[in-house]
């Protein structure tokens, strides 16, 4: 049987972690609802091209992480919103129960193991 209380705790824990990580590397654009990468702070101006290149690489890495973490956070928020619906914990493809082991590994899972690639 699906333990929705346990799933909710897992989702909220992951939500907190994701928000902390996102706040470390970006900021929420209140107009779009999307996360934008922010450059790492520096106490001194760039002195040469190498420093500028390093800052650019860091910004690119932050942007890449936001492209991963932002959608994951959205999935977590959607799962929390839908937790009390009858369809929660059911595979979106075959409508059968999602395996508890799968939900324990990924509480925002939308498909069973059989339909993992869909």
C-alpha atoms as a PDB file:
ATOM      1  CA  UNK A   1       0.000   0.000   0.000  1.00  0.00           C
ATOM      2  CA  UNK A   2       1.186   3.496  -0.863  1.00  0.00           C
ATOM      3  CA  UNK A   3       2.400   5.373   2.219  1.00  0.00           C
ATOM      4  CA  UNK A   4       1.528   8.929   1.171  1.00  0.00           C
ATOM      5  CA  UNK A   5       2.830  10.388   4.434  1.00  0.00           C
ATOM      6  CA  UNK A   6       6.261   8.871   3.783  1.00  0.00           C
ATOM      7  CA  UNK A   7       6.183   9.995   0.141  1.00  0.00           C
ATOM      8  CA  UNK A   8       5.231  13.530   1.217  1.00  0.00           C
ATOM      9  CA  UNK A   9       8.141  13.670   3.675  1.00  0.00           C
ATOM     10  CA  UNK A  10      10.530  12.496   0.945  1.00  0.00           C
ATOM     11  CA  UNK A  11       9.188  15.059  -1.524  1.00  0.00           C
ATOM     12  CA  UNK A  12       9.439  17.897   0.995  1.00  0.00           C
ATOM     13  CA  UNK A  13      12.991  16.887   1.926  1.00  0.00           C
ATOM     14  CA  UNK A  14      14.049  16.874  -1.730  1.00  0.00           C
ATOM     15  CA  UNK A  15      12.250  20.187  -2.304  1.00  0.00           C
ATOM     16  CA  UNK A  16      14.255  21.782   0.514  1.00  0.00           C
ATOM     17  CA  UNK A  17      17.549  20.434  -0.857  1.00  0.00           C
ATOM     18  CA  UNK A  18      16.771  21.589  -4.403  1.00  0.00           C
ATOM     19  CA  UNK A  19      15.776  25.069  -3.238  1.00  0.00           C
ATOM     20  CA  UNK A  20      19.012  25.409  -1.261  1.00  0.00           C
ATOM     21  CA  UNK A  21      21.077  24.306  -4.255  1.00  0.00           C
ATOM     22  CA  UNK A  22      19.217  26.619  -6.617  1.00  0.00           C
ATOM     23  CA  UNK A  23      19.613  29.594  -4.281  1.00  0.00           C
ATOM     24  CA  UNK A  24      23.368  28.902  -4.174  1.00  0.00           C
ATOM     25  CA  UNK A  25      23.762  29.133  -7.950  1.00  0.00           C
ATOM     26  CA  UNK A  26      20.935  31.352  -9.135  1.00  0.00           C
ATOM     27  CA  UNK A  27      17.868  33.371  -8.405  1.00  0.00           C
ATOM     28  CA  UNK A  28      14.193  32.971  -9.176  1.00  0.00           C
ATOM     29  CA  UNK A  29      12.892  35.274 -11.897  1.00  0.00           C
ATOM     30  CA  UNK A  30       9.548  36.325 -10.426  1.00  0.00           C
ATOM     31  CA  UNK A  31       8.221  37.406 -13.824  1.00  0.00           C
ATOM     32  CA  UNK A  32       8.775  34.063 -15.552  1.00  0.00           C
ATOM     33  CA  UNK A  33       8.889  31.686 -12.588  1.00  0.00           C
ATOM     34  CA  UNK A  34      12.142  30.300 -13.994  1.00  0.00           C
ATOM     35  CA  UNK A  35      15.524  30.101 -12.303  1.00  0.00           C
ATOM     36  CA  UNK A  36      18.385  32.152 -13.751  1.00  0.00           C
ATOM     37  CA  UNK A  37      22.048  31.439 -13.095  1.00  0.00           C
ATOM     38  CA  UNK A  38      24.017  34.111 -11.304  1.00  0.00           C
ATOM     39  CA  UNK A  39      27.760  34.577 -11.636  1.00  0.00           C
ATOM     40  CA  UNK A  40      29.874  33.667  -8.648  1.00  0.00           C
ATOM     41  CA  UNK A  41      30.686  36.703  -6.542  1.00  0.00           C
ATOM     42  CA  UNK A  42      34.173  38.120  -6.680  1.00  0.00           C
ATOM     43  CA  UNK A  43      35.901  40.487  -4.288  1.00  0.00           C
ATOM     44  CA  UNK A  44      38.240  41.744  -6.966  1.00  0.00           C
ATOM     45  CA  UNK A  45      37.822  42.743 -10.606  1.00  0.00           C
ATOM     46  CA  UNK A  46      38.953  40.349 -13.319  1.00  0.00           C
ATOM     47  CA  UNK A  47      42.605  41.021 -13.873  1.00  0.00           C
ATOM     48  CA  UNK A  48      43.205  39.010 -17.004  1.00  0.00           C
ATOM     49  CA  UNK A  49      41.583  36.855 -19.655  1.00  0.00           C
ATOM     50  CA  UNK A  50      42.175  33.666 -17.659  1.00  0.00           C
ATOM     51  CA  UNK A  51      40.165  34.996 -14.730  1.00  0.00           C
ATOM     52  CA  UNK A  52      37.393  36.057 -17.095  1.00  0.00           C
ATOM     53  CA  UNK A  53      37.423  32.644 -18.755  1.00  0.00           C
ATOM     54  CA  UNK A  54      37.212  30.916 -15.371  1.00  0.00           C
ATOM     55  CA  UNK A  55      34.218  33.052 -14.391  1.00  0.00           C
ATOM     56  CA  UNK A  56      32.541  32.319 -17.728  1.00  0.00           C
ATOM     57  CA  UNK A  57      33.081  28.558 -17.272  1.00  0.00           C
ATOM     58  CA  UNK A  58      31.666  28.762 -13.746  1.00  0.00           C
ATOM     59  CA  UNK A  59      28.609  30.635 -15.035  1.00  0.00           C
ATOM     60  CA  UNK A  60      28.100  28.008 -17.754  1.00  0.00           C
ATOM     61  CA  UNK A  61      28.313  25.238 -15.144  1.00  0.00           C
ATOM     62  CA  UNK A  62      25.748  27.054 -12.994  1.00  0.00           C
ATOM     63  CA  UNK A  63      23.454  27.466 -15.997  1.00  0.00           C
ATOM     64  CA  UNK A  64      23.733  23.776 -16.766  1.00  0.00           C
ATOM     65  CA  UNK A  65      22.888  22.832 -13.184  1.00  0.00           C
ATOM     66  CA  UNK A  66      19.835  25.091 -13.242  1.00  0.00           C
ATOM     67  CA  UNK A  67      18.639  23.336 -16.402  1.00  0.00           C
ATOM     68  CA  UNK A  68      18.705  20.092 -14.398  1.00  0.00           C
ATOM     69  CA  UNK A  69      17.561  21.262 -10.967  1.00  0.00           C
ATOM     70  CA  UNK A  70      14.779  23.614 -12.085  1.00  0.00           C
ATOM     71  CA  UNK A  71      12.684  20.971 -13.859  1.00  0.00           C
ATOM     72  CA  UNK A  72      13.335  18.522 -11.022  1.00  0.00           C
ATOM     73  CA  UNK A  73      11.983  21.051  -8.527  1.00  0.00           C
ATOM     74  CA  UNK A  74       8.928  21.580 -10.749  1.00  0.00           C
ATOM     75  CA  UNK A  75       8.302  17.807 -10.767  1.00  0.00           C
ATOM     76  CA  UNK A  76       8.563  17.722  -6.973  1.00  0.00           C
ATOM     77  CA  UNK A  77       6.134  20.651  -6.606  1.00  0.00           C
ATOM     78  CA  UNK A  78       3.689  19.035  -9.034  1.00  0.00           C
ATOM     79  CA  UNK A  79       3.893  15.741  -7.134  1.00  0.00           C
ATOM     80  CA  UNK A  80       3.222  17.487  -3.818  1.00  0.00           C
ATOM     81  CA  UNK A  81       0.224  19.225  -5.375  1.00  0.00           C
ATOM     82  CA  UNK A  82      -1.138  15.945  -6.757  1.00  0.00           C
ATOM     83  CA  UNK A  83      -0.301  13.764  -3.748  1.00  0.00           C
ATOM     84  CA  UNK A  84      -3.893  13.480  -2.549  1.00  0.00           C
ATOM     85  CA  UNK A  85      -5.346  12.719  -5.951  1.00  0.00           C
ATOM     86  CA  UNK A  86      -6.438   9.160  -6.611  1.00  0.00           C
ATOM     87  CA  UNK A  87      -4.140   8.992  -9.644  1.00  0.00           C
ATOM     88  CA  UNK A  88      -0.993   9.666  -7.567  1.00  0.00           C
ATOM     89  CA  UNK A  89       1.257   6.612  -7.502  1.00  0.00           C
ATOM     90  CA  UNK A  90      -0.267   5.247 -10.701  1.00  0.00           C
ATOM     91  CA  UNK A  91       1.706   4.844 -13.907  1.00  0.00           C
ATOM     92  CA  UNK A  92       0.736   7.474 -16.474  1.00  0.00           C
ATOM     93  CA  UNK A  93       1.078   4.855 -19.224  1.00  0.00           C
ATOM     94  CA  UNK A  94      -0.564   1.660 -17.936  1.00  0.00           C
ATOM     95  CA  UNK A  95      -2.433   3.114 -14.914  1.00  0.00           C
ATOM     96  CA  UNK A  96      -1.088   0.351 -12.628  1.00  0.00           C
ATOM     97  CA  UNK A  97       0.498   1.080  -9.262  1.00  0.00           C
ATOM     98  CA  UNK A  98       4.066   2.348  -9.426  1.00  0.00           C
ATOM     99  CA  UNK A  99       6.355   0.022  -7.495  1.00  0.00           C
ATOM    100  CA  UNK A 100       7.080   1.245  -3.950  1.00  0.00           C
ATOM    101  CA  UNK A 101      10.791   0.670  -4.509  1.00  0.00           C
ATOM    102  CA  UNK A 102      10.607   3.045  -7.482  1.00  0.00           C
ATOM    103  CA  UNK A 103       8.742   5.681  -5.467  1.00  0.00           C
ATOM    104  CA  UNK A 104      11.262   5.338  -2.639  1.00  0.00           C
ATOM    105  CA  UNK A 105      14.065   6.003  -5.130  1.00  0.00           C
ATOM    106  CA  UNK A 106      12.143   8.755  -6.932  1.00  0.00           C
ATOM    107  CA  UNK A 107       9.050   9.968  -5.070  1.00  0.00           C
ATOM    108  CA  UNK A 108       8.063  12.107  -8.073  1.00  0.00           C
ATOM    109  CA  UNK A 109       8.050   9.123 -10.458  1.00  0.00           C
ATOM    110  CA  UNK A 110       5.228   9.210 -12.978  1.00  0.00           C
ATOM    111  CA  UNK A 111       5.672   5.765 -14.503  1.00  0.00           C
ATOM    112  CA  UNK A 112       6.279   2.219 -13.335  1.00  0.00           C
ATOM    113  CA  UNK A 113       9.594   0.492 -13.988  1.00  0.00           C
ATOM    114  CA  UNK A 114       8.215  -1.106 -17.154  1.00  0.00           C
ATOM    115  CA  UNK A 115       7.439   2.306 -18.663  1.00  0.00           C
ATOM    116  CA  UNK A 116      10.501   4.103 -17.287  1.00  0.00           C
ATOM    117  CA  UNK A 117      11.670   5.298 -20.722  1.00  0.00           C
ATOM    118  CA  UNK A 118       8.302   6.810 -21.710  1.00  0.00           C
END
